[in-house]
């Protein structure tokens, strides 16, 4: 997996690889409103995880997930690092593996 210097660099590269949908995180599923799609943990795969830390503030961090669904949709999920981990279902936490994200 390639390491990217910034999240915008990673997003541009991943979009060029077909990860064009924008996913939103919910406690028990991922949603892509543009595709009218809701995905339970068993309906998607995390292809890549990239974690970026803020230059001036470690709390200003985010995680970028490259997601592919069993329906063929590919897209990105951006999450402030750990911001929603407390509200996620155990299945979503296992699927996203937030604690093992690659640091940049």
C-alpha atoms as a PDB file:
ATOM      1  CA  UNK A   1       0.000   0.000   0.000  1.00  0.00           C
ATOM      2  CA  UNK A   2       1.400   3.362  -1.017  1.00  0.00           C
ATOM      3  CA  UNK A   3       2.027   5.985   1.649  1.00  0.00           C
ATOM      4  CA  UNK A   4       0.680   9.438   0.849  1.00  0.00           C
ATOM      5  CA  UNK A   5       1.948  12.722   2.287  1.00  0.00           C
ATOM      6  CA  UNK A   6      -1.514  14.307   2.552  1.00  0.00           C
ATOM      7  CA  UNK A   7      -5.119  13.186   2.586  1.00  0.00           C
ATOM      8  CA  UNK A   8      -5.856  15.240  -0.546  1.00  0.00           C
ATOM      9  CA  UNK A   9      -3.048  13.426  -2.403  1.00  0.00           C
ATOM     10  CA  UNK A  10      -4.450  10.074  -1.271  1.00  0.00           C
ATOM     11  CA  UNK A  11      -8.016  11.008  -2.263  1.00  0.00           C
ATOM     12  CA  UNK A  12      -6.908  12.110  -5.730  1.00  0.00           C
ATOM     13  CA  UNK A  13      -4.950   8.885  -6.300  1.00  0.00           C
ATOM     14  CA  UNK A  14      -7.734   6.651  -5.001  1.00  0.00           C
ATOM     15  CA  UNK A  15     -10.383   8.444  -7.075  1.00  0.00           C
ATOM     16  CA  UNK A  16      -8.231   7.785 -10.152  1.00  0.00           C
ATOM     17  CA  UNK A  17      -8.390   4.078  -9.180  1.00  0.00           C
ATOM     18  CA  UNK A  18     -12.193   4.166  -9.253  1.00  0.00           C
ATOM     19  CA  UNK A  19     -13.015   5.039  -5.630  1.00  0.00           C
ATOM     20  CA  UNK A  20     -15.448   7.763  -6.651  1.00  0.00           C
ATOM     21  CA  UNK A  21     -18.434   7.321  -4.305  1.00  0.00           C
ATOM     22  CA  UNK A  22     -18.613   9.260  -1.036  1.00  0.00           C
ATOM     23  CA  UNK A  23     -19.580   7.147   1.966  1.00  0.00           C
ATOM     24  CA  UNK A  24     -21.013   8.391   5.266  1.00  0.00           C
ATOM     25  CA  UNK A  25     -20.463   6.494   8.503  1.00  0.00           C
ATOM     26  CA  UNK A  26     -23.391   5.371  10.666  1.00  0.00           C
ATOM     27  CA  UNK A  27     -23.208   3.212  13.812  1.00  0.00           C
ATOM     28  CA  UNK A  28     -24.265   0.040  11.974  1.00  0.00           C
ATOM     29  CA  UNK A  29     -23.781   0.748   8.252  1.00  0.00           C
ATOM     30  CA  UNK A  30     -22.139   2.871   5.571  1.00  0.00           C
ATOM     31  CA  UNK A  31     -24.308   5.076   3.388  1.00  0.00           C
ATOM     32  CA  UNK A  32     -23.812   6.571  -0.060  1.00  0.00           C
ATOM     33  CA  UNK A  33     -26.774   8.928  -0.614  1.00  0.00           C
ATOM     34  CA  UNK A  34     -25.839   9.600  -4.258  1.00  0.00           C
ATOM     35  CA  UNK A  35     -26.195   5.881  -5.032  1.00  0.00           C
ATOM     36  CA  UNK A  36     -29.100   5.348  -2.602  1.00  0.00           C
ATOM     37  CA  UNK A  37     -26.966   2.666  -0.965  1.00  0.00           C
ATOM     38  CA  UNK A  38     -26.701   1.421   2.623  1.00  0.00           C
ATOM     39  CA  UNK A  39     -24.050  -1.198   3.368  1.00  0.00           C
ATOM     40  CA  UNK A  40     -23.909  -3.443   6.428  1.00  0.00           C
ATOM     41  CA  UNK A  41     -20.442  -4.643   7.528  1.00  0.00           C
ATOM     42  CA  UNK A  42     -20.779  -7.897   5.600  1.00  0.00           C
ATOM     43  CA  UNK A  43     -21.588  -5.974   2.390  1.00  0.00           C
ATOM     44  CA  UNK A  44     -18.321  -4.052   2.030  1.00  0.00           C
ATOM     45  CA  UNK A  45     -14.571  -4.516   2.213  1.00  0.00           C
ATOM     46  CA  UNK A  46     -11.924  -2.060   3.398  1.00  0.00           C
ATOM     47  CA  UNK A  47      -9.286  -2.116   0.660  1.00  0.00           C
ATOM     48  CA  UNK A  48      -6.974   0.516   2.141  1.00  0.00           C
ATOM     49  CA  UNK A  49      -6.717   2.575   5.321  1.00  0.00           C
ATOM     50  CA  UNK A  50      -4.648   5.743   5.627  1.00  0.00           C
ATOM     51  CA  UNK A  51      -4.362   7.805   8.799  1.00  0.00           C
ATOM     52  CA  UNK A  52      -3.153  11.396   8.685  1.00  0.00           C
ATOM     53  CA  UNK A  53      -2.138  13.420  11.726  1.00  0.00           C
ATOM     54  CA  UNK A  54      -2.487  17.176  11.888  1.00  0.00           C
ATOM     55  CA  UNK A  55       0.762  19.116  11.535  1.00  0.00           C
ATOM     56  CA  UNK A  56       0.126  21.433  14.487  1.00  0.00           C
ATOM     57  CA  UNK A  57      -2.472  19.564  16.492  1.00  0.00           C
ATOM     58  CA  UNK A  58      -2.468  15.751  16.936  1.00  0.00           C
ATOM     59  CA  UNK A  59      -6.217  15.972  17.597  1.00  0.00           C
ATOM     60  CA  UNK A  60      -6.641  17.341  14.065  1.00  0.00           C
ATOM     61  CA  UNK A  61      -6.377  13.905  12.481  1.00  0.00           C
ATOM     62  CA  UNK A  62      -8.397  11.913   9.993  1.00  0.00           C
ATOM     63  CA  UNK A  63      -8.659   8.432   8.596  1.00  0.00           C
ATOM     64  CA  UNK A  64      -9.281   7.753   4.911  1.00  0.00           C
ATOM     65  CA  UNK A  65     -10.838   4.409   3.988  1.00  0.00           C
ATOM     66  CA  UNK A  66     -10.961   3.023   0.440  1.00  0.00           C
ATOM     67  CA  UNK A  67     -14.141   0.914   0.377  1.00  0.00           C
ATOM     68  CA  UNK A  68     -15.499  -1.586  -2.143  1.00  0.00           C
ATOM     69  CA  UNK A  69     -18.988  -3.050  -1.850  1.00  0.00           C
ATOM     70  CA  UNK A  70     -20.382  -6.418  -2.805  1.00  0.00           C
ATOM     71  CA  UNK A  71     -22.549  -4.532  -5.324  1.00  0.00           C
ATOM     72  CA  UNK A  72     -19.466  -3.164  -7.117  1.00  0.00           C
ATOM     73  CA  UNK A  73     -19.554   0.394  -5.759  1.00  0.00           C
ATOM     74  CA  UNK A  74     -16.167   1.822  -4.796  1.00  0.00           C
ATOM     75  CA  UNK A  75     -15.650   4.945  -2.760  1.00  0.00           C
ATOM     76  CA  UNK A  76     -14.060   6.792   0.101  1.00  0.00           C
ATOM     77  CA  UNK A  77     -14.966   7.268   3.727  1.00  0.00           C
ATOM     78  CA  UNK A  78     -13.293  10.091   5.647  1.00  0.00           C
ATOM     79  CA  UNK A  79     -13.505  10.047   9.430  1.00  0.00           C
ATOM     80  CA  UNK A  80     -11.922  12.295  12.033  1.00  0.00           C
ATOM     81  CA  UNK A  81      -9.658   9.860  13.832  1.00  0.00           C
ATOM     82  CA  UNK A  82     -11.645   8.032  16.449  1.00  0.00           C
ATOM     83  CA  UNK A  83     -14.379  10.651  16.479  1.00  0.00           C
ATOM     84  CA  UNK A  84     -17.184   8.141  16.058  1.00  0.00           C
ATOM     85  CA  UNK A  85     -15.535   4.957  17.292  1.00  0.00           C
ATOM     86  CA  UNK A  86     -17.438   5.014  20.599  1.00  0.00           C
ATOM     87  CA  UNK A  87     -20.818   5.054  18.850  1.00  0.00           C
ATOM     88  CA  UNK A  88     -20.064   2.313  16.297  1.00  0.00           C
ATOM     89  CA  UNK A  89     -21.389  -1.208  16.583  1.00  0.00           C
ATOM     90  CA  UNK A  90     -18.790  -3.890  17.410  1.00  0.00           C
ATOM     91  CA  UNK A  91     -19.190  -5.242  13.857  1.00  0.00           C
ATOM     92  CA  UNK A  92     -18.380  -1.853  12.321  1.00  0.00           C
ATOM     93  CA  UNK A  93     -15.369  -1.380  14.597  1.00  0.00           C
ATOM     94  CA  UNK A  94     -14.000  -4.779  13.575  1.00  0.00           C
ATOM     95  CA  UNK A  95     -14.652  -4.080   9.920  1.00  0.00           C
ATOM     96  CA  UNK A  96     -13.006  -0.664   9.918  1.00  0.00           C
ATOM     97  CA  UNK A  97     -10.115  -1.651  12.191  1.00  0.00           C
ATOM     98  CA  UNK A  98      -9.681   1.939  13.297  1.00  0.00           C
ATOM     99  CA  UNK A  99      -6.924   1.149  15.792  1.00  0.00           C
ATOM    100  CA  UNK A 100      -4.652  -0.494  13.185  1.00  0.00           C
ATOM    101  CA  UNK A 101      -4.754   2.245  10.553  1.00  0.00           C
ATOM    102  CA  UNK A 102      -1.471   3.035   8.785  1.00  0.00           C
ATOM    103  CA  UNK A 103       0.020   6.327   9.997  1.00  0.00           C
ATOM    104  CA  UNK A 104       1.303   9.007   7.606  1.00  0.00           C
END
